[in-house]
Amino acid sequence: MTDQERSTTTKERDLAGTAMSWVDDVVDTLHDRVIRPILLVGRSIAFSFIIVFSVIVIAVAICVALLRILDVYVFPAHQWASWALLGVLSLGLGLFTWRYRRTVPTKSAG
């Protein structure tokens, strides 16, 4: 190969390297500004669903266990009393939660 052919080949490699570098920069910027926030939001939503459903399962399991304990040890002949006590506990927890709720601020029309 002559020097002229080598310089042409080197220029083509430099042009290809520059083009690939530019494409890599564009892809990295797109990933950082668009894809990563979408992935973070999706991951947050997925973990939120997992946590909510886990809490629901645990709450139901605790209620069933409490009802069984009340039926067997506290009110062995009166199942209605176990249900009533569980209802009163649920009502008390609901009223306690309702007491500390926050109102949503409304926007003024003017």
C-alpha atoms as a PDB file:
ATOM      1  CA  MET A   1       0.000   0.000   0.000  1.00  0.00           C
ATOM      2  CA  THR A   2       1.145   3.473  -0.725  1.00  0.00           C
ATOM      3  CA  ASP A   3       1.093   6.371   1.683  1.00  0.00           C
ATOM      4  CA  GLN A   4      -1.897   7.895  -0.097  1.00  0.00           C
ATOM      5  CA  GLU A   5      -3.943   4.702   0.269  1.00  0.00           C
ATOM      6  CA  ARG A   6      -2.962   4.440   3.931  1.00  0.00           C
ATOM      7  CA  SER A   7      -4.035   8.021   4.630  1.00  0.00           C
ATOM      8  CA  THR A   8      -7.374   7.415   2.868  1.00  0.00           C
ATOM      9  CA  THR A   9      -7.924   4.277   4.923  1.00  0.00           C
ATOM     10  CA  THR A  10      -6.977   6.148   8.108  1.00  0.00           C
ATOM     11  CA  LYS A  11      -9.393   8.983   7.273  1.00  0.00           C
ATOM     12  CA  GLU A  12     -12.193   6.493   6.673  1.00  0.00           C
ATOM     13  CA  ARG A  13     -11.455   4.829  10.007  1.00  0.00           C
ATOM     14  CA  ASP A  14     -11.418   8.198  11.715  1.00  0.00           C
ATOM     15  CA  LEU A  15     -14.734   9.094  10.080  1.00  0.00           C
ATOM     16  CA  ALA A  16     -16.231   5.757  11.150  1.00  0.00           C
ATOM     17  CA  GLY A  17     -14.869   6.211  14.665  1.00  0.00           C
ATOM     18  CA  THR A  18     -16.263   9.741  14.856  1.00  0.00           C
ATOM     19  CA  ALA A  19     -19.654   8.577  13.593  1.00  0.00           C
ATOM     20  CA  MET A  20     -19.770   5.716  16.096  1.00  0.00           C
ATOM     21  CA  SER A  21     -18.734   8.052  18.883  1.00  0.00           C
ATOM     22  CA  TRP A  22     -21.527  10.470  17.953  1.00  0.00           C
ATOM     23  CA  VAL A  23     -24.089   7.645  17.808  1.00  0.00           C
ATOM     24  CA  ASP A  24     -22.877   6.362  21.181  1.00  0.00           C
ATOM     25  CA  ASP A  25     -23.228   9.834  22.712  1.00  0.00           C
ATOM     26  CA  VAL A  26     -26.761  10.215  21.316  1.00  0.00           C
ATOM     27  CA  VAL A  27     -27.809   6.806  22.626  1.00  0.00           C
ATOM     28  CA  ASP A  28     -26.318   7.519  26.055  1.00  0.00           C
ATOM     29  CA  THR A  29     -28.068  10.882  26.240  1.00  0.00           C
ATOM     30  CA  LEU A  30     -31.374   9.335  25.154  1.00  0.00           C
ATOM     31  CA  HIS A  31     -31.007   6.613  27.750  1.00  0.00           C
ATOM     32  CA  ASP A  32     -30.178   9.053  30.544  1.00  0.00           C
ATOM     33  CA  ARG A  33     -32.959  11.536  29.774  1.00  0.00           C
ATOM     34  CA  VAL A  34     -35.813   9.334  28.530  1.00  0.00           C
ATOM     35  CA  ILE A  35     -35.393   5.648  29.220  1.00  0.00           C
ATOM     36  CA  ARG A  36     -34.007   5.794  32.760  1.00  0.00           C
ATOM     37  CA  PRO A  37     -36.886   7.944  34.171  1.00  0.00           C
ATOM     38  CA  ILE A  38     -39.423   5.623  32.528  1.00  0.00           C
ATOM     39  CA  LEU A  39     -37.699   2.609  34.068  1.00  0.00           C
ATOM     40  CA  LEU A  40     -37.641   4.259  37.495  1.00  0.00           C
ATOM     41  CA  VAL A  41     -41.348   5.066  37.342  1.00  0.00           C
ATOM     42  CA  GLY A  42     -42.178   1.550  36.186  1.00  0.00           C
ATOM     43  CA  ARG A  43     -40.048   0.022  38.910  1.00  0.00           C
ATOM     44  CA  SER A  44     -41.694   2.238  41.538  1.00  0.00           C
ATOM     45  CA  ILE A  45     -45.173   1.242  40.374  1.00  0.00           C
ATOM     46  CA  ALA A  46     -44.272  -2.461  40.359  1.00  0.00           C
ATOM     47  CA  PHE A  47     -42.780  -2.349  43.857  1.00  0.00           C
ATOM     48  CA  SER A  48     -45.775  -0.352  45.103  1.00  0.00           C
ATOM     49  CA  PHE A  49     -48.162  -3.047  43.861  1.00  0.00           C
ATOM     50  CA  ILE A  50     -46.061  -5.739  45.505  1.00  0.00           C
ATOM     51  CA  ILE A  51     -46.035  -3.876  48.821  1.00  0.00           C
ATOM     52  CA  VAL A  52     -49.777  -3.101  48.740  1.00  0.00           C
ATOM     53  CA  PHE A  53     -50.759  -6.681  47.944  1.00  0.00           C
ATOM     54  CA  SER A  54     -48.376  -8.011  50.590  1.00  0.00           C
ATOM     55  CA  VAL A  55     -49.916  -5.729  53.204  1.00  0.00           C
ATOM     56  CA  ILE A  56     -53.412  -6.868  52.172  1.00  0.00           C
ATOM     57  CA  VAL A  57     -52.433 -10.538  52.482  1.00  0.00           C
ATOM     58  CA  ILE A  58     -50.823  -9.978  55.868  1.00  0.00           C
ATOM     59  CA  ALA A  59     -53.850  -8.015  57.135  1.00  0.00           C
ATOM     60  CA  VAL A  60     -56.246 -10.769  56.052  1.00  0.00           C
ATOM     61  CA  ALA A  61     -54.036 -13.434  57.643  1.00  0.00           C
ATOM     62  CA  ILE A  62     -53.921 -11.482  60.912  1.00  0.00           C
ATOM     63  CA  CYS A  63     -57.722 -11.078  60.913  1.00  0.00           C
ATOM     64  CA  VAL A  64     -58.247 -14.797  60.279  1.00  0.00           C
ATOM     65  CA  ALA A  65     -55.755 -15.731  63.011  1.00  0.00           C
ATOM     66  CA  LEU A  66     -57.373 -13.305  65.465  1.00  0.00           C
ATOM     67  CA  LEU A  67     -60.822 -14.686  64.683  1.00  0.00           C
ATOM     68  CA  ARG A  68     -59.619 -18.264  65.196  1.00  0.00           C
ATOM     69  CA  ILE A  69     -57.980 -17.365  68.515  1.00  0.00           C
ATOM     70  CA  LEU A  70     -61.123 -15.576  69.686  1.00  0.00           C
ATOM     71  CA  ASP A  71     -63.338 -18.515  68.638  1.00  0.00           C
ATOM     72  CA  VAL A  72     -61.216 -21.142  70.370  1.00  0.00           C
ATOM     73  CA  TYR A  73     -59.877 -19.464  73.518  1.00  0.00           C
ATOM     74  CA  VAL A  74     -61.932 -16.373  74.370  1.00  0.00           C
ATOM     75  CA  PHE A  75     -65.514 -17.131  73.259  1.00  0.00           C
ATOM     76  CA  PRO A  76     -65.649 -20.899  72.693  1.00  0.00           C
ATOM     77  CA  ALA A  77     -69.448 -21.224  72.632  1.00  0.00           C
ATOM     78  CA  HIS A  78     -70.307 -17.855  71.072  1.00  0.00           C
ATOM     79  CA  GLN A  79     -69.000 -17.316  67.589  1.00  0.00           C
ATOM     80  CA  TRP A  80     -71.068 -14.158  67.176  1.00  0.00           C
ATOM     81  CA  ALA A  81     -69.089 -12.521  69.994  1.00  0.00           C
ATOM     82  CA  SER A  82     -65.821 -13.114  68.119  1.00  0.00           C
ATOM     83  CA  TRP A  83     -67.250 -11.522  64.999  1.00  0.00           C
ATOM     84  CA  ALA A  84     -68.639  -8.610  67.008  1.00  0.00           C
ATOM     85  CA  LEU A  85     -65.307  -7.972  68.730  1.00  0.00           C
ATOM     86  CA  LEU A  86     -63.467  -8.121  65.408  1.00  0.00           C
ATOM     87  CA  GLY A  87     -66.044  -5.700  63.970  1.00  0.00           C
ATOM     88  CA  VAL A  88     -65.587  -3.283  66.870  1.00  0.00           C
ATOM     89  CA  LEU A  89     -61.797  -3.416  66.458  1.00  0.00           C
ATOM     90  CA  SER A  90     -62.133  -2.736  62.723  1.00  0.00           C
ATOM     91  CA  LEU A  91     -64.543   0.115  63.396  1.00  0.00           C
ATOM     92  CA  GLY A  92     -62.184   1.639  65.965  1.00  0.00           C
ATOM     93  CA  LEU A  93     -59.228   1.400  63.585  1.00  0.00           C
ATOM     94  CA  GLY A  94     -61.305   2.977  60.807  1.00  0.00           C
ATOM     95  CA  LEU A  95     -62.467   5.841  63.025  1.00  0.00           C
ATOM     96  CA  PHE A  96     -58.896   6.431  64.228  1.00  0.00           C
ATOM     97  CA  THR A  97     -57.672   6.569  60.632  1.00  0.00           C
ATOM     98  CA  TRP A  98     -60.563   8.815  59.582  1.00  0.00           C
ATOM     99  CA  ARG A  99     -59.775  11.262  62.382  1.00  0.00           C
ATOM    100  CA  TYR A 100     -56.278  11.938  61.034  1.00  0.00           C
ATOM    101  CA  ARG A 101     -57.191  12.289  57.375  1.00  0.00           C
ATOM    102  CA  ARG A 102     -56.281  15.440  55.471  1.00  0.00           C
ATOM    103  CA  THR A 103     -58.551  17.429  53.237  1.00  0.00           C
ATOM    104  CA  VAL A 104     -57.426  18.184  49.720  1.00  0.00           C
ATOM    105  CA  PRO A 105     -56.850  21.918  49.250  1.00  0.00           C
ATOM    106  CA  THR A 106     -59.074  23.415  46.574  1.00  0.00           C
ATOM    107  CA  LYS A 107     -57.848  25.920  44.035  1.00  0.00           C
ATOM    108  CA  SER A 108     -59.481  29.308  44.140  1.00  0.00           C
ATOM    109  CA  ALA A 109     -61.343  30.425  41.016  1.00  0.00           C
ATOM    110  CA  GLY A 110     -59.721  33.866  40.939  1.00  0.00           C
END
